[in-house]
Amino acid sequence: MKTFHLAFPITDINASIEFYTQYLGCKLGRQAERWVDFDFFGHQLSLHLNDDKTGTNHCSNMVDGDQIHVPHFGAVLEKPEWEALHQKLNNGGIEFRLEPKIRFEGEAGEQGTFFVKDPSGNTLEFKFFNSTDDIFAT
């Protein structure tokens, strides 16, 4: 698997460092006054301070009966890792944008999923599939 890189805006570096390291277990990488890198489940995230607090273009789309916030990103985990992360976030008082559920039950691409917000309002999705063959199933 190749590592991807994703850069996106944040509003508070210290709150982001706390969230990504303490709640998501990400390893802190390089950082400067206005940006910070993380190892996000083997991929590189670069969070950049954005002084424009007016927001960005966001929308939502209906997916299997739920309004899903766009844009969002996340990670595909193994089921035990997904369950442990859910428990850690829940115990830490992190608000779920969408509570854990099974989506597309009994269909191609069946998956466990949940969504949370980081301290800057970015939406993250965490999911698992019963088999990696299901990730791109149609």
C-alpha atoms as a PDB file:
ATOM      1  CA  MET A   1       0.000   0.000   0.000  1.00  0.00           C
ATOM      2  CA  LYS A   2       1.243   3.459  -0.837  1.00  0.00           C
ATOM      3  CA  THR A   3       1.076   6.242   1.717  1.00  0.00           C
ATOM      4  CA  PHE A   4      -1.186   9.179   0.925  1.00  0.00           C
ATOM      5  CA  HIS A   5      -0.726  12.794   2.009  1.00  0.00           C
ATOM      6  CA  LEU A   6      -3.633  15.054   2.936  1.00  0.00           C
ATOM      7  CA  ALA A   7      -3.384  18.700   3.979  1.00  0.00           C
ATOM      8  CA  PHE A   8      -6.343  20.627   5.374  1.00  0.00           C
ATOM      9  CA  PRO A   9      -7.126  23.708   7.472  1.00  0.00           C
ATOM     10  CA  ILE A  10      -7.481  23.881  11.238  1.00  0.00           C
ATOM     11  CA  THR A  11      -8.297  26.709  13.641  1.00  0.00           C
ATOM     12  CA  ASP A  12      -6.302  25.642  16.727  1.00  0.00           C
ATOM     13  CA  ILE A  13      -2.970  23.800  16.580  1.00  0.00           C
ATOM     14  CA  ASN A  14      -2.841  22.827  20.274  1.00  0.00           C
ATOM     15  CA  ALA A  15      -6.403  21.446  20.331  1.00  0.00           C
ATOM     16  CA  SER A  16      -5.663  19.542  17.120  1.00  0.00           C
ATOM     17  CA  ILE A  17      -2.481  18.035  18.558  1.00  0.00           C
ATOM     18  CA  GLU A  18      -4.412  16.878  21.627  1.00  0.00           C
ATOM     19  CA  PHE A  19      -7.261  15.377  19.571  1.00  0.00           C
ATOM     20  CA  TYR A  20      -5.129  13.583  16.986  1.00  0.00           C
ATOM     21  CA  THR A  21      -2.577  12.222  19.472  1.00  0.00           C
ATOM     22  CA  GLN A  22      -4.671  11.495  22.581  1.00  0.00           C
ATOM     23  CA  TYR A  23      -7.942  10.392  20.993  1.00  0.00           C
ATOM     24  CA  LEU A  24      -6.907   8.961  17.640  1.00  0.00           C
ATOM     25  CA  GLY A  25      -3.468   7.710  18.723  1.00  0.00           C
ATOM     26  CA  CYS A  26      -1.645   9.449  15.884  1.00  0.00           C
ATOM     27  CA  LYS A  27       2.091   9.960  16.180  1.00  0.00           C
ATOM     28  CA  LEU A  28       3.125  13.611  16.107  1.00  0.00           C
ATOM     29  CA  GLY A  29       5.482  14.451  13.256  1.00  0.00           C
ATOM     30  CA  ARG A  30       7.180  17.675  12.285  1.00  0.00           C
ATOM     31  CA  GLN A  31       5.617  20.933  13.319  1.00  0.00           C
ATOM     32  CA  ALA A  32       6.094  24.657  12.935  1.00  0.00           C
ATOM     33  CA  GLU A  33       4.237  27.708  14.168  1.00  0.00           C
ATOM     34  CA  ARG A  34       1.414  27.362  11.626  1.00  0.00           C
ATOM     35  CA  TRP A  35       1.334  23.654  10.706  1.00  0.00           C
ATOM     36  CA  VAL A  36       1.750  20.177  12.152  1.00  0.00           C
ATOM     37  CA  ASP A  37       2.162  16.695  10.629  1.00  0.00           C
ATOM     38  CA  PHE A  38       0.785  13.399  11.949  1.00  0.00           C
ATOM     39  CA  ASP A  39       1.122   9.715  11.165  1.00  0.00           C
ATOM     40  CA  PHE A  40      -2.571   8.955  10.552  1.00  0.00           C
ATOM     41  CA  PHE A  41      -2.816   5.158  10.423  1.00  0.00           C
ATOM     42  CA  GLY A  42       0.285   5.035   8.209  1.00  0.00           C
ATOM     43  CA  HIS A  43      -0.559   8.107   6.127  1.00  0.00           C
ATOM     44  CA  GLN A  44       0.677  11.693   6.370  1.00  0.00           C
ATOM     45  CA  LEU A  45      -1.698  14.427   7.500  1.00  0.00           C
ATOM     46  CA  SER A  46      -0.585  18.056   7.414  1.00  0.00           C
ATOM     47  CA  LEU A  47      -2.814  20.376   9.397  1.00  0.00           C
ATOM     48  CA  HIS A  48      -2.389  24.061   8.542  1.00  0.00           C
ATOM     49  CA  LEU A  49      -3.610  26.969  10.626  1.00  0.00           C
ATOM     50  CA  ASN A  50      -6.326  28.921   8.832  1.00  0.00           C
ATOM     51  CA  ASP A  51      -7.105  32.407  10.109  1.00  0.00           C
ATOM     52  CA  ASP A  52     -10.259  32.660   7.969  1.00  0.00           C
ATOM     53  CA  LYS A  53     -12.955  31.536  10.409  1.00  0.00           C
ATOM     54  CA  THR A  54     -15.796  32.146   7.928  1.00  0.00           C
ATOM     55  CA  GLY A  55     -15.861  28.480   6.976  1.00  0.00           C
ATOM     56  CA  THR A  56     -15.644  26.587   3.736  1.00  0.00           C
ATOM     57  CA  ASN A  57     -18.069  25.127   1.255  1.00  0.00           C
ATOM     58  CA  HIS A  58     -19.704  22.154   2.949  1.00  0.00           C
ATOM     59  CA  CYS A  59     -22.623  20.051   1.862  1.00  0.00           C
ATOM     60  CA  SER A  60     -24.190  16.750   2.752  1.00  0.00           C
ATOM     61  CA  ASN A  61     -25.545  13.871   0.726  1.00  0.00           C
ATOM     62  CA  MET A  62     -27.924  11.059   1.591  1.00  0.00           C
ATOM     63  CA  VAL A  63     -26.074   7.727   1.931  1.00  0.00           C
ATOM     64  CA  ASP A  64     -28.007   4.651   3.047  1.00  0.00           C
ATOM     65  CA  GLY A  65     -30.523   6.774   4.970  1.00  0.00           C
ATOM     66  CA  ASP A  66     -28.083   9.226   6.618  1.00  0.00           C
ATOM     67  CA  GLN A  67     -27.057  12.763   5.688  1.00  0.00           C
ATOM     68  CA  ILE A  68     -23.278  12.487   5.254  1.00  0.00           C
ATOM     69  CA  HIS A  69     -21.175  15.627   5.705  1.00  0.00           C
ATOM     70  CA  VAL A  70     -18.865  16.466   2.792  1.00  0.00           C
ATOM     71  CA  PRO A  71     -15.948  16.909   2.719  1.00  0.00           C
ATOM     72  CA  HIS A  72     -14.705  14.210   5.075  1.00  0.00           C
ATOM     73  CA  PHE A  73     -11.810  11.768   5.310  1.00  0.00           C
ATOM     74  CA  GLY A  74     -10.851   8.891   7.548  1.00  0.00           C
ATOM     75  CA  ALA A  75      -9.400   5.420   7.778  1.00  0.00           C
ATOM     76  CA  VAL A  76     -10.457   1.848   7.121  1.00  0.00           C
ATOM     77  CA  LEU A  77      -9.573  -0.183  10.213  1.00  0.00           C
ATOM     78  CA  GLU A  78      -9.821  -3.787  11.308  1.00  0.00           C
ATOM     79  CA  LYS A  79     -13.045  -4.409  13.257  1.00  0.00           C
ATOM     80  CA  PRO A  80     -11.350  -4.777  16.709  1.00  0.00           C
ATOM     81  CA  GLU A  81      -9.367  -1.560  16.119  1.00  0.00           C
ATOM     82  CA  TRP A  82     -12.584   0.218  14.993  1.00  0.00           C
ATOM     83  CA  GLU A  83     -14.439  -0.961  18.118  1.00  0.00           C
ATOM     84  CA  ALA A  84     -11.563   0.125  20.396  1.00  0.00           C
ATOM     85  CA  LEU A  85     -11.396   3.567  18.765  1.00  0.00           C
ATOM     86  CA  HIS A  86     -15.155   3.999  19.128  1.00  0.00           C
ATOM     87  CA  GLN A  87     -14.923   3.120  22.822  1.00  0.00           C
ATOM     88  CA  LYS A  88     -11.974   5.476  23.386  1.00  0.00           C
ATOM     89  CA  LEU A  89     -13.749   8.390  21.698  1.00  0.00           C
ATOM     90  CA  ASN A  90     -16.997   7.634  23.507  1.00  0.00           C
ATOM     91  CA  ASN A  91     -15.232   7.427  26.887  1.00  0.00           C
ATOM     92  CA  GLY A  92     -13.409  10.683  26.086  1.00  0.00           C
ATOM     93  CA  GLY A  93     -16.672  12.550  25.576  1.00  0.00           C
ATOM     94  CA  ILE A  94     -16.085  13.119  21.872  1.00  0.00           C
ATOM     95  CA  GLU A  95     -19.341  13.963  20.088  1.00  0.00           C
ATOM     96  CA  PHE A  96     -20.248  11.666  17.207  1.00  0.00           C
ATOM     97  CA  ARG A  97     -21.498  13.345  14.055  1.00  0.00           C
ATOM     98  CA  LEU A  98     -22.964   9.920  13.192  1.00  0.00           C
ATOM     99  CA  GLU A  99     -23.075   7.155  15.793  1.00  0.00           C
ATOM    100  CA  PRO A 100     -21.569   3.757  14.925  1.00  0.00           C
ATOM    101  CA  LYS A 101     -23.748   1.676  12.629  1.00  0.00           C
ATOM    102  CA  ILE A 102     -23.643  -0.977   9.943  1.00  0.00           C
ATOM    103  CA  ARG A 103     -24.227   0.550   6.519  1.00  0.00           C
ATOM    104  CA  PHE A 104     -25.377  -1.348   3.404  1.00  0.00           C
ATOM    105  CA  GLU A 105     -26.246  -4.334   5.587  1.00  0.00           C
ATOM    106  CA  GLY A 106     -26.475  -7.529   3.520  1.00  0.00           C
ATOM    107  CA  GLU A 107     -25.354  -5.677   0.376  1.00  0.00           C
ATOM    108  CA  ALA A 108     -22.096  -5.269  -1.503  1.00  0.00           C
ATOM    109  CA  GLY A 109     -19.820  -3.008   0.498  1.00  0.00           C
ATOM    110  CA  GLU A 110     -21.394  -3.725   3.912  1.00  0.00           C
ATOM    111  CA  GLN A 111     -19.397  -1.762   6.481  1.00  0.00           C
ATOM    112  CA  GLY A 112     -19.299  -0.509  10.033  1.00  0.00           C
ATOM    113  CA  THR A 113     -18.975   3.264  10.154  1.00  0.00           C
ATOM    114  CA  PHE A 114     -19.003   6.282  12.445  1.00  0.00           C
ATOM    115  CA  PHE A 115     -18.206   9.967  12.046  1.00  0.00           C
ATOM    116  CA  VAL A 116     -16.645  12.500  14.448  1.00  0.00           C
ATOM    117  CA  LYS A 117     -15.508  16.117  14.225  1.00  0.00           C
ATOM    118  CA  ASP A 118     -12.040  17.299  15.123  1.00  0.00           C
ATOM    119  CA  PRO A 119     -11.618  20.517  17.170  1.00  0.00           C
ATOM    120  CA  SER A 120     -11.617  22.601  13.962  1.00  0.00           C
ATOM    121  CA  GLY A 121     -14.865  21.079  12.690  1.00  0.00           C
ATOM    122  CA  ASN A 122     -13.285  18.741  10.108  1.00  0.00           C
ATOM    123  CA  THR A 123     -15.307  15.555   9.704  1.00  0.00           C
ATOM    124  CA  LEU A 124     -13.586  12.165  10.010  1.00  0.00           C
ATOM    125  CA  GLU A 125     -15.086   8.779   9.157  1.00  0.00           C
ATOM    126  CA  PHE A 126     -13.811   5.488  10.531  1.00  0.00           C
ATOM    127  CA  LYS A 127     -15.017   2.234   9.040  1.00  0.00           C
ATOM    128  CA  PHE A 128     -14.364  -1.480   8.850  1.00  0.00           C
ATOM    129  CA  PHE A 129     -15.246  -4.145   6.318  1.00  0.00           C
ATOM    130  CA  ASN A 130     -15.568  -7.846   7.052  1.00  0.00           C
ATOM    131  CA  SER A 131     -13.145  -8.465   4.176  1.00  0.00           C
ATOM    132  CA  THR A 132     -10.790  -6.162   2.276  1.00  0.00           C
ATOM    133  CA  ASP A 133     -12.474  -7.513  -0.885  1.00  0.00           C
ATOM    134  CA  ASP A 134     -15.604  -5.604   0.193  1.00  0.00           C
ATOM    135  CA  ILE A 135     -13.922  -2.173   0.127  1.00  0.00           C
ATOM    136  CA  PHE A 136     -14.476  -1.699  -3.616  1.00  0.00           C
ATOM    137  CA  ALA A 137     -17.394  -4.131  -4.024  1.00  0.00           C
ATOM    138  CA  THR A 138     -20.175  -3.026  -6.359  1.00  0.00           C
END
